[in-house]
């Protein structure tokens, strides 16, 4: 059955490729949507493995066309096509499918979407205001924001932090990023002070405990709760839209480049596997430099 092949594919992504839960969930949705479309396209109650083996590029184009009519953008269409390429490639490697029709379809070119970045001075003032509050949970919230912005952590990396991964004396934190890649990231003095204040306010401190604990102290603070903390603390900067933890990571990278940091160093700090992923921040940084030039140069 096609569902069995799908389940084996998802397990392969999770256990062997070490894809994140969010990525595996997105691929599951994409493959399930394709199987539903294909069943209607072939006028069958369900899709068999033999049906998948006979699929032609025309059916795949029809699936992407229907997704586009429902409002999917080019970036989303590209991800769906990538998911189906991977799905068919897995089927071929496991000997269950003979060809990969998704390879014959060009990836839709996505318009580059520049990451959202917060103003440096306003962000700094917001963090300073939060650090001045001593009553719980303010120390915990301040430590969360200082780490997200000061170390450029991903949300999942922050949630998984344990006290034995921090070395505040050396000013570093051990982070396990995508693909289980481990890296050491510098922690600034403000983030270190915020973490110490968080520990003094009852935030734990046991070597193997989570830095940010949930109600059940054996579990980490949920990602949804971290999102709410960030959105609430930075509501004044949101301009009508919520600020996500990833916006702080974008701001971390862009502010470093604005100040003259080396692109390769920023890549390593962010834990990117490829420099091309980091290069999007150079566009944001150039936009900033252009605004400075137009504002300051007499012949701009």
C-alpha atoms as a PDB file:
ATOM      1  CA  UNK A   1       0.000   0.000   0.000  1.00  0.00           C
ATOM      2  CA  UNK A   2       1.106   3.571  -0.668  1.00  0.00           C
ATOM      3  CA  UNK A   3       0.503   4.436   3.026  1.00  0.00           C
ATOM      4  CA  UNK A   4       3.095   1.847   4.067  1.00  0.00           C
ATOM      5  CA  UNK A   5       5.647   3.358   1.676  1.00  0.00           C
ATOM      6  CA  UNK A   6       4.836   6.816   3.036  1.00  0.00           C
ATOM      7  CA  UNK A   7       5.315   5.672   6.636  1.00  0.00           C
ATOM      8  CA  UNK A   8       8.647   4.038   5.805  1.00  0.00           C
ATOM      9  CA  UNK A   9       9.727   7.236   4.045  1.00  0.00           C
ATOM     10  CA  UNK A  10       8.862   9.414   7.057  1.00  0.00           C
ATOM     11  CA  UNK A  11      10.690   7.069   9.419  1.00  0.00           C
ATOM     12  CA  UNK A  12      13.733   7.262   7.136  1.00  0.00           C
ATOM     13  CA  UNK A  13      13.657  11.083   7.250  1.00  0.00           C
ATOM     14  CA  UNK A  14      13.420  11.080  11.021  1.00  0.00           C
ATOM     15  CA  UNK A  15      15.831   8.304  12.002  1.00  0.00           C
ATOM     16  CA  UNK A  16      18.432   8.311   9.258  1.00  0.00           C
ATOM     17  CA  UNK A  17      18.365  11.853   7.885  1.00  0.00           C
ATOM     18  CA  UNK A  18      17.651  13.387  11.321  1.00  0.00           C
ATOM     19  CA  UNK A  19      15.143  15.858   9.913  1.00  0.00           C
ATOM     20  CA  UNK A  20      13.360  18.007  12.489  1.00  0.00           C
ATOM     21  CA  UNK A  21       9.854  17.118  13.624  1.00  0.00           C
ATOM     22  CA  UNK A  22       8.486  20.170  11.836  1.00  0.00           C
ATOM     23  CA  UNK A  23      10.137  19.201   8.538  1.00  0.00           C
ATOM     24  CA  UNK A  24       8.908  15.603   8.787  1.00  0.00           C
ATOM     25  CA  UNK A  25       5.399  16.867   9.551  1.00  0.00           C
ATOM     26  CA  UNK A  26       5.512  19.171   6.494  1.00  0.00           C
ATOM     27  CA  UNK A  27       6.661  16.304   4.258  1.00  0.00           C
ATOM     28  CA  UNK A  28       3.875  14.117   5.660  1.00  0.00           C
ATOM     29  CA  UNK A  29       1.289  16.755   4.735  1.00  0.00           C
ATOM     30  CA  UNK A  30       2.733  17.161   1.253  1.00  0.00           C
ATOM     31  CA  UNK A  31       2.793  13.439   0.504  1.00  0.00           C
ATOM     32  CA  UNK A  32      -0.683  12.905   1.979  1.00  0.00           C
ATOM     33  CA  UNK A  33      -2.076  15.758  -0.117  1.00  0.00           C
ATOM     34  CA  UNK A  34      -0.508  14.239  -3.223  1.00  0.00           C
ATOM     35  CA  UNK A  35      -1.951  10.801  -2.469  1.00  0.00           C
ATOM     36  CA  UNK A  36      -5.402  12.338  -1.969  1.00  0.00           C
ATOM     37  CA  UNK A  37      -5.083  14.262  -5.249  1.00  0.00           C
ATOM     38  CA  UNK A  38      -3.850  11.182  -7.093  1.00  0.00           C
ATOM     39  CA  UNK A  39      -6.767   9.061  -5.864  1.00  0.00           C
ATOM     40  CA  UNK A  40      -9.204  11.652  -7.279  1.00  0.00           C
ATOM     41  CA  UNK A  41      -7.115  12.043 -10.456  1.00  0.00           C
ATOM     42  CA  UNK A  42      -7.224   8.283 -11.079  1.00  0.00           C
ATOM     43  CA  UNK A  43     -10.801   7.983  -9.778  1.00  0.00           C
ATOM     44  CA  UNK A  44      -9.849   5.363  -7.203  1.00  0.00           C
ATOM     45  CA  UNK A  45     -10.806   5.004  -3.522  1.00  0.00           C
ATOM     46  CA  UNK A  46      -7.125   4.720  -2.593  1.00  0.00           C
ATOM     47  CA  UNK A  47      -3.732   4.789  -4.277  1.00  0.00           C
ATOM     48  CA  UNK A  48      -1.731   1.577  -4.584  1.00  0.00           C
ATOM     49  CA  UNK A  49       2.007   1.206  -4.977  1.00  0.00           C
ATOM     50  CA  UNK A  50       1.400   0.220  -8.582  1.00  0.00           C
ATOM     51  CA  UNK A  51      -0.438   3.501  -9.146  1.00  0.00           C
ATOM     52  CA  UNK A  52       2.548   5.398  -7.790  1.00  0.00           C
ATOM     53  CA  UNK A  53       4.862   3.483 -10.105  1.00  0.00           C
ATOM     54  CA  UNK A  54       2.803   4.536 -13.152  1.00  0.00           C
ATOM     55  CA  UNK A  55       2.553   8.224 -12.272  1.00  0.00           C
ATOM     56  CA  UNK A  56       3.708  10.627 -14.988  1.00  0.00           C
ATOM     57  CA  UNK A  57       4.907  14.195 -14.727  1.00  0.00           C
ATOM     58  CA  UNK A  58       1.527  15.428 -15.982  1.00  0.00           C
ATOM     59  CA  UNK A  59      -0.186  14.225 -12.780  1.00  0.00           C
ATOM     60  CA  UNK A  60       2.464  15.923 -10.650  1.00  0.00           C
ATOM     61  CA  UNK A  61       2.001  19.178 -12.549  1.00  0.00           C
ATOM     62  CA  UNK A  62      -1.741  18.866 -11.981  1.00  0.00           C
ATOM     63  CA  UNK A  63      -1.139  18.467  -8.240  1.00  0.00           C
ATOM     64  CA  UNK A  64       1.082  21.558  -8.105  1.00  0.00           C
ATOM     65  CA  UNK A  65      -1.379  23.505 -10.242  1.00  0.00           C
ATOM     66  CA  UNK A  66      -4.239  22.706  -7.884  1.00  0.00           C
ATOM     67  CA  UNK A  67      -2.113  23.753  -4.893  1.00  0.00           C
ATOM     68  CA  UNK A  68      -1.329  27.050  -6.655  1.00  0.00           C
ATOM     69  CA  UNK A  69      -5.029  27.680  -7.329  1.00  0.00           C
ATOM     70  CA  UNK A  70      -5.655  27.205  -3.615  1.00  0.00           C
ATOM     71  CA  UNK A  71      -3.182  29.944  -2.808  1.00  0.00           C
ATOM     72  CA  UNK A  72       0.162  28.164  -2.369  1.00  0.00           C
ATOM     73  CA  UNK A  73       3.085  30.443  -3.171  1.00  0.00           C
ATOM     74  CA  UNK A  74       6.176  29.526  -5.142  1.00  0.00           C
ATOM     75  CA  UNK A  75       8.175  28.715  -2.027  1.00  0.00           C
ATOM     76  CA  UNK A  76       5.477  26.305  -0.817  1.00  0.00           C
ATOM     77  CA  UNK A  77       5.200  24.709  -4.264  1.00  0.00           C
ATOM     78  CA  UNK A  78       8.954  24.226  -4.310  1.00  0.00           C
ATOM     79  CA  UNK A  79       8.833  22.471  -0.953  1.00  0.00           C
ATOM     80  CA  UNK A  80       6.009  20.181  -2.105  1.00  0.00           C
ATOM     81  CA  UNK A  81       7.959  19.245  -5.213  1.00  0.00           C
ATOM     82  CA  UNK A  82      11.076  18.627  -3.109  1.00  0.00           C
ATOM     83  CA  UNK A  83       9.056  16.368  -0.792  1.00  0.00           C
ATOM     84  CA  UNK A  84       7.768  14.324  -3.735  1.00  0.00           C
ATOM     85  CA  UNK A  85      11.236  14.042  -5.275  1.00  0.00           C
ATOM     86  CA  UNK A  86      12.542  12.710  -1.972  1.00  0.00           C
ATOM     87  CA  UNK A  87       9.563  10.371  -1.620  1.00  0.00           C
ATOM     88  CA  UNK A  88      10.087   8.842  -5.070  1.00  0.00           C
ATOM     89  CA  UNK A  89      13.859   8.702  -4.573  1.00  0.00           C
ATOM     90  CA  UNK A  90      13.306   6.742  -1.365  1.00  0.00           C
ATOM     91  CA  UNK A  91      10.919   4.411  -3.222  1.00  0.00           C
ATOM     92  CA  UNK A  92      13.587   3.756  -5.843  1.00  0.00           C
ATOM     93  CA  UNK A  93      16.318   3.102  -3.273  1.00  0.00           C
ATOM     94  CA  UNK A  94      14.089   0.662  -1.421  1.00  0.00           C
ATOM     95  CA  UNK A  95      13.296  -1.151  -4.689  1.00  0.00           C
ATOM     96  CA  UNK A  96       9.583  -0.360  -4.590  1.00  0.00           C
ATOM     97  CA  UNK A  97       9.458   2.213  -7.418  1.00  0.00           C
ATOM     98  CA  UNK A  98      11.272   2.185 -10.747  1.00  0.00           C
ATOM     99  CA  UNK A  99      11.483   5.885 -11.618  1.00  0.00           C
ATOM    100  CA  UNK A 100      11.183   9.394 -10.216  1.00  0.00           C
ATOM    101  CA  UNK A 101       8.796  11.492 -12.339  1.00  0.00           C
ATOM    102  CA  UNK A 102       9.251  14.482 -10.040  1.00  0.00           C
ATOM    103  CA  UNK A 103      12.803  14.906 -11.368  1.00  0.00           C
ATOM    104  CA  UNK A 104      11.402  15.995 -14.727  1.00  0.00           C
ATOM    105  CA  UNK A 105       9.665  19.048 -13.246  1.00  0.00           C
ATOM    106  CA  UNK A 106      11.570  22.289 -12.758  1.00  0.00           C
ATOM    107  CA  UNK A 107      11.419  23.846  -9.304  1.00  0.00           C
ATOM    108  CA  UNK A 108       9.317  27.045  -9.291  1.00  0.00           C
ATOM    109  CA  UNK A 109      11.556  30.059  -8.773  1.00  0.00           C
ATOM    110  CA  UNK A 110      10.681  31.697  -5.509  1.00  0.00           C
ATOM    111  CA  UNK A 111      10.839  35.415  -4.973  1.00  0.00           C
ATOM    112  CA  UNK A 112      13.536  36.011  -2.344  1.00  0.00           C
ATOM    113  CA  UNK A 113      11.873  36.840   0.952  1.00  0.00           C
ATOM    114  CA  UNK A 114      14.097  38.942   3.158  1.00  0.00           C
ATOM    115  CA  UNK A 115      14.044  38.046   6.841  1.00  0.00           C
ATOM    116  CA  UNK A 116      12.379  40.461   9.219  1.00  0.00           C
ATOM    117  CA  UNK A 117      14.818  42.366  11.425  1.00  0.00           C
ATOM    118  CA  UNK A 118      14.105  44.506  14.490  1.00  0.00           C
ATOM    119  CA  UNK A 119      15.727  47.954  14.952  1.00  0.00           C
ATOM    120  CA  UNK A 120      18.875  47.526  17.026  1.00  0.00           C
ATOM    121  CA  UNK A 121      18.393  50.477  19.379  1.00  0.00           C
ATOM    122  CA  UNK A 122      14.710  49.802  20.063  1.00  0.00           C
ATOM    123  CA  UNK A 123      15.371  46.116  20.638  1.00  0.00           C
ATOM    124  CA  UNK A 124      18.155  46.960  23.056  1.00  0.00           C
ATOM    125  CA  UNK A 125      15.890  49.260  25.048  1.00  0.00           C
ATOM    126  CA  UNK A 126      13.170  46.597  25.224  1.00  0.00           C
ATOM    127  CA  UNK A 127      15.660  44.048  26.574  1.00  0.00           C
ATOM    128  CA  UNK A 128      16.993  46.560  29.109  1.00  0.00           C
ATOM    129  CA  UNK A 129      13.481  47.258  30.388  1.00  0.00           C
ATOM    130  CA  UNK A 130      12.844  43.556  30.851  1.00  0.00           C
ATOM    131  CA  UNK A 131      16.143  43.073  32.697  1.00  0.00           C
ATOM    132  CA  UNK A 132      15.175  45.750  35.234  1.00  0.00           C
ATOM    133  CA  UNK A 133      12.224  43.680  36.491  1.00  0.00           C
ATOM    134  CA  UNK A 134      13.073  41.284  39.312  1.00  0.00           C
ATOM    135  CA  UNK A 135       9.729  39.607  39.955  1.00  0.00           C
ATOM    136  CA  UNK A 136       9.217  36.157  38.354  1.00  0.00           C
ATOM    137  CA  UNK A 137       8.828  35.260  35.555  1.00  0.00           C
ATOM    138  CA  UNK A 138      10.687  38.370  34.308  1.00  0.00           C
ATOM    139  CA  UNK A 139      14.212  36.948  34.974  1.00  0.00           C
ATOM    140  CA  UNK A 140      13.353  33.803  33.008  1.00  0.00           C
ATOM    141  CA  UNK A 141      11.828  35.815  30.159  1.00  0.00           C
ATOM    142  CA  UNK A 142      14.848  38.133  30.041  1.00  0.00           C
ATOM    143  CA  UNK A 143      17.203  35.131  29.840  1.00  0.00           C
ATOM    144  CA  UNK A 144      15.161  33.655  26.980  1.00  0.00           C
ATOM    145  CA  UNK A 145      15.271  36.849  24.925  1.00  0.00           C
ATOM    146  CA  UNK A 146      18.934  37.545  25.675  1.00  0.00           C
ATOM    147  CA  UNK A 147      19.893  34.056  24.473  1.00  0.00           C
ATOM    148  CA  UNK A 148      17.749  34.175  21.342  1.00  0.00           C
ATOM    149  CA  UNK A 149      19.171  37.549  20.335  1.00  0.00           C
ATOM    150  CA  UNK A 150      22.610  37.374  21.964  1.00  0.00           C
ATOM    151  CA  UNK A 151      23.488  33.888  20.715  1.00  0.00           C
ATOM    152  CA  UNK A 152      21.235  33.582  17.654  1.00  0.00           C
ATOM    153  CA  UNK A 153      19.692  30.320  18.815  1.00  0.00           C
ATOM    154  CA  UNK A 154      16.858  28.531  17.073  1.00  0.00           C
ATOM    155  CA  UNK A 155      13.696  27.991  19.103  1.00  0.00           C
ATOM    156  CA  UNK A 156      14.293  24.222  19.325  1.00  0.00           C
ATOM    157  CA  UNK A 157      17.895  24.784  20.406  1.00  0.00           C
ATOM    158  CA  UNK A 158      16.831  27.126  23.180  1.00  0.00           C
ATOM    159  CA  UNK A 159      14.138  24.744  24.454  1.00  0.00           C
ATOM    160  CA  UNK A 160      16.622  21.846  24.606  1.00  0.00           C
ATOM    161  CA  UNK A 161      19.311  23.718  26.572  1.00  0.00           C
ATOM    162  CA  UNK A 162      20.503  22.115  29.802  1.00  0.00           C
ATOM    163  CA  UNK A 163      22.552  23.722  32.536  1.00  0.00           C
ATOM    164  CA  UNK A 164      25.520  21.425  31.921  1.00  0.00           C
ATOM    165  CA  UNK A 165      25.732  22.866  28.404  1.00  0.00           C
ATOM    166  CA  UNK A 166      26.461  26.356  29.758  1.00  0.00           C
ATOM    167  CA  UNK A 167      29.936  27.569  30.632  1.00  0.00           C
ATOM    168  CA  UNK A 168      29.319  31.120  31.781  1.00  0.00           C
ATOM    169  CA  UNK A 169      32.892  31.451  32.991  1.00  0.00           C
ATOM    170  CA  UNK A 170      34.150  30.883  29.457  1.00  0.00           C
ATOM    171  CA  UNK A 171      31.135  32.687  28.011  1.00  0.00           C
ATOM    172  CA  UNK A 172      29.917  29.823  25.809  1.00  0.00           C
ATOM    173  CA  UNK A 173      26.921  27.540  25.397  1.00  0.00           C
ATOM    174  CA  UNK A 174      26.861  24.060  23.832  1.00  0.00           C
ATOM    175  CA  UNK A 175      24.071  23.780  21.288  1.00  0.00           C
ATOM    176  CA  UNK A 176      22.760  20.769  19.357  1.00  0.00           C
ATOM    177  CA  UNK A 177      21.334  22.068  16.094  1.00  0.00           C
ATOM    178  CA  UNK A 178      19.804  20.562  12.955  1.00  0.00           C
ATOM    179  CA  UNK A 179      21.070  17.156  11.975  1.00  0.00           C
ATOM    180  CA  UNK A 180      22.334  16.678  15.562  1.00  0.00           C
ATOM    181  CA  UNK A 181      25.288  18.928  14.747  1.00  0.00           C
ATOM    182  CA  UNK A 182      26.850  20.282  17.912  1.00  0.00           C
ATOM    183  CA  UNK A 183      28.473  23.698  18.157  1.00  0.00           C
ATOM    184  CA  UNK A 184      29.800  26.085  20.806  1.00  0.00           C
ATOM    185  CA  UNK A 185      28.310  29.563  20.675  1.00  0.00           C
ATOM    186  CA  UNK A 186      29.597  32.640  22.533  1.00  0.00           C
ATOM    187  CA  UNK A 187      27.280  34.068  25.195  1.00  0.00           C
ATOM    188  CA  UNK A 188      27.574  37.791  25.883  1.00  0.00           C
ATOM    189  CA  UNK A 189      27.881  39.311  29.338  1.00  0.00           C
ATOM    190  CA  UNK A 190      24.265  40.493  29.345  1.00  0.00           C
ATOM    191  CA  UNK A 191      22.954  37.036  28.507  1.00  0.00           C
ATOM    192  CA  UNK A 192      25.229  35.538  31.183  1.00  0.00           C
ATOM    193  CA  UNK A 193      23.901  37.963  33.805  1.00  0.00           C
ATOM    194  CA  UNK A 194      20.331  37.218  32.738  1.00  0.00           C
ATOM    195  CA  UNK A 195      20.941  33.467  33.102  1.00  0.00           C
ATOM    196  CA  UNK A 196      22.431  33.961  36.571  1.00  0.00           C
ATOM    197  CA  UNK A 197      19.430  36.073  37.598  1.00  0.00           C
ATOM    198  CA  UNK A 198      17.121  33.380  36.218  1.00  0.00           C
ATOM    199  CA  UNK A 199      18.885  30.712  38.303  1.00  0.00           C
ATOM    200  CA  UNK A 200      18.709  32.851  41.463  1.00  0.00           C
ATOM    201  CA  UNK A 201      14.984  33.387  40.892  1.00  0.00           C
ATOM    202  CA  UNK A 202      14.366  29.657  41.075  1.00  0.00           C
ATOM    203  CA  UNK A 203      15.064  28.673  37.489  1.00  0.00           C
ATOM    204  CA  UNK A 204      16.815  25.471  38.445  1.00  0.00           C
ATOM    205  CA  UNK A 205      20.521  25.023  38.010  1.00  0.00           C
ATOM    206  CA  UNK A 206      20.833  21.230  38.340  1.00  0.00           C
ATOM    207  CA  UNK A 207      23.508  20.128  35.882  1.00  0.00           C
ATOM    208  CA  UNK A 208      21.278  17.848  33.827  1.00  0.00           C
ATOM    209  CA  UNK A 209      18.108  19.918  34.167  1.00  0.00           C
ATOM    210  CA  UNK A 210      16.594  22.071  31.466  1.00  0.00           C
ATOM    211  CA  UNK A 211      17.552  25.731  31.616  1.00  0.00           C
ATOM    212  CA  UNK A 212      13.944  26.683  30.938  1.00  0.00           C
ATOM    213  CA  UNK A 213      11.631  24.214  32.647  1.00  0.00           C
ATOM    214  CA  UNK A 214       7.942  23.661  32.115  1.00  0.00           C
ATOM    215  CA  UNK A 215       5.427  23.105  34.891  1.00  0.00           C
ATOM    216  CA  UNK A 216       6.602  19.522  35.001  1.00  0.00           C
ATOM    217  CA  UNK A 217      10.262  20.104  35.879  1.00  0.00           C
ATOM    218  CA  UNK A 218      11.297  16.992  34.006  1.00  0.00           C
ATOM    219  CA  UNK A 219      10.215  18.652  30.758  1.00  0.00           C
ATOM    220  CA  UNK A 220      11.416  21.726  28.920  1.00  0.00           C
ATOM    221  CA  UNK A 221       9.299  24.836  28.550  1.00  0.00           C
ATOM    222  CA  UNK A 222       7.131  24.288  25.471  1.00  0.00           C
ATOM    223  CA  UNK A 223       7.982  26.013  22.211  1.00  0.00           C
ATOM    224  CA  UNK A 224       4.522  27.567  22.118  1.00  0.00           C
ATOM    225  CA  UNK A 225       5.133  29.121  25.535  1.00  0.00           C
ATOM    226  CA  UNK A 226       8.476  30.541  24.387  1.00  0.00           C
ATOM    227  CA  UNK A 227       6.716  32.045  21.363  1.00  0.00           C
ATOM    228  CA  UNK A 228       4.153  33.713  23.628  1.00  0.00           C
ATOM    229  CA  UNK A 229       6.880  35.079  25.910  1.00  0.00           C
ATOM    230  CA  UNK A 230       8.758  36.650  22.992  1.00  0.00           C
ATOM    231  CA  UNK A 231       5.619  38.083  21.389  1.00  0.00           C
ATOM    232  CA  UNK A 232       4.473  39.588  24.683  1.00  0.00           C
ATOM    233  CA  UNK A 233       7.839  41.093  25.608  1.00  0.00           C
ATOM    234  CA  UNK A 234       8.314  42.712  22.196  1.00  0.00           C
ATOM    235  CA  UNK A 235       4.716  43.724  21.472  1.00  0.00           C
ATOM    236  CA  UNK A 236       5.734  47.391  21.261  1.00  0.00           C
ATOM    237  CA  UNK A 237       8.060  46.610  18.360  1.00  0.00           C
ATOM    238  CA  UNK A 238       5.639  44.407  16.442  1.00  0.00           C
ATOM    239  CA  UNK A 239       3.889  47.091  14.335  1.00  0.00           C
ATOM    240  CA  UNK A 240       0.698  45.039  14.404  1.00  0.00           C
ATOM    241  CA  UNK A 241       2.337  41.657  13.756  1.00  0.00           C
ATOM    242  CA  UNK A 242       3.664  39.228  16.330  1.00  0.00           C
ATOM    243  CA  UNK A 243       7.417  38.935  16.867  1.00  0.00           C
ATOM    244  CA  UNK A 244       8.606  35.329  16.682  1.00  0.00           C
ATOM    245  CA  UNK A 245      11.769  33.858  18.232  1.00  0.00           C
ATOM    246  CA  UNK A 246      13.209  33.472  14.729  1.00  0.00           C
ATOM    247  CA  UNK A 247      12.995  37.245  14.205  1.00  0.00           C
ATOM    248  CA  UNK A 248      15.508  37.598  17.051  1.00  0.00           C
ATOM    249  CA  UNK A 249      17.800  35.128  15.265  1.00  0.00           C
ATOM    250  CA  UNK A 250      17.459  37.144  12.051  1.00  0.00           C
ATOM    251  CA  UNK A 251      18.245  40.325  13.994  1.00  0.00           C
ATOM    252  CA  UNK A 252      21.305  38.674  15.591  1.00  0.00           C
ATOM    253  CA  UNK A 253      22.790  37.788  12.190  1.00  0.00           C
ATOM    254  CA  UNK A 254      21.958  41.068  10.458  1.00  0.00           C
ATOM    255  CA  UNK A 255      23.228  43.281  13.274  1.00  0.00           C
ATOM    256  CA  UNK A 256      26.513  41.350  13.274  1.00  0.00           C
ATOM    257  CA  UNK A 257      26.953  41.886   9.532  1.00  0.00           C
ATOM    258  CA  UNK A 258      25.974  45.550   9.843  1.00  0.00           C
ATOM    259  CA  UNK A 259      28.818  45.939  12.344  1.00  0.00           C
ATOM    260  CA  UNK A 260      31.336  44.347   9.952  1.00  0.00           C
ATOM    261  CA  UNK A 261      31.315  40.686  11.048  1.00  0.00           C
ATOM    262  CA  UNK A 262      32.700  38.121   8.620  1.00  0.00           C
ATOM    263  CA  UNK A 263      30.044  36.130   6.757  1.00  0.00           C
ATOM    264  CA  UNK A 264      31.769  32.788   7.439  1.00  0.00           C
ATOM    265  CA  UNK A 265      31.883  33.564  11.158  1.00  0.00           C
ATOM    266  CA  UNK A 266      28.149  34.362  11.158  1.00  0.00           C
ATOM    267  CA  UNK A 267      27.504  31.084   9.304  1.00  0.00           C
ATOM    268  CA  UNK A 268      29.297  29.134  12.030  1.00  0.00           C
ATOM    269  CA  UNK A 269      27.540  31.028  14.813  1.00  0.00           C
ATOM    270  CA  UNK A 270      24.141  30.248  13.281  1.00  0.00           C
ATOM    271  CA  UNK A 271      25.010  26.604  12.712  1.00  0.00           C
ATOM    272  CA  UNK A 272      24.238  26.718   8.986  1.00  0.00           C
ATOM    273  CA  UNK A 273      25.470  23.748   6.956  1.00  0.00           C
ATOM    274  CA  UNK A 274      25.801  25.864   3.806  1.00  0.00           C
ATOM    275  CA  UNK A 275      27.026  29.418   3.259  1.00  0.00           C
ATOM    276  CA  UNK A 276      24.180  29.994   0.781  1.00  0.00           C
ATOM    277  CA  UNK A 277      21.720  29.837   3.689  1.00  0.00           C
ATOM    278  CA  UNK A 278      23.578  32.633   5.470  1.00  0.00           C
ATOM    279  CA  UNK A 279      23.898  34.840   2.386  1.00  0.00           C
ATOM    280  CA  UNK A 280      20.263  36.003   2.643  1.00  0.00           C
ATOM    281  CA  UNK A 281      21.397  38.229   5.509  1.00  0.00           C
ATOM    282  CA  UNK A 282      23.833  40.059   3.249  1.00  0.00           C
ATOM    283  CA  UNK A 283      20.833  41.397   1.289  1.00  0.00           C
ATOM    284  CA  UNK A 284      19.321  42.778   4.485  1.00  0.00           C
ATOM    285  CA  UNK A 285      22.658  44.239   5.526  1.00  0.00           C
ATOM    286  CA  UNK A 286      23.147  45.883   2.120  1.00  0.00           C
ATOM    287  CA  UNK A 287      19.670  47.399   2.401  1.00  0.00           C
ATOM    288  CA  UNK A 288      20.696  48.894   5.720  1.00  0.00           C
ATOM    289  CA  UNK A 289      23.938  50.263   4.257  1.00  0.00           C
ATOM    290  CA  UNK A 290      22.052  51.782   1.344  1.00  0.00           C
ATOM    291  CA  UNK A 291      19.695  53.599   3.726  1.00  0.00           C
ATOM    292  CA  UNK A 292      22.683  54.889   5.673  1.00  0.00           C
ATOM    293  CA  UNK A 293      24.339  56.065   2.462  1.00  0.00           C
ATOM    294  CA  UNK A 294      21.219  57.821   1.204  1.00  0.00           C
ATOM    295  CA  UNK A 295      20.737  59.517   4.547  1.00  0.00           C
ATOM    296  CA  UNK A 296      24.351  60.562   5.084  1.00  0.00           C
ATOM    297  CA  UNK A 297      26.182  61.089   1.785  1.00  0.00           C
ATOM    298  CA  UNK A 298      25.962  64.579   0.250  1.00  0.00           C
ATOM    299  CA  UNK A 299      25.645  63.181  -3.279  1.00  0.00           C
ATOM    300  CA  UNK A 300      23.282  60.293  -2.520  1.00  0.00           C
END
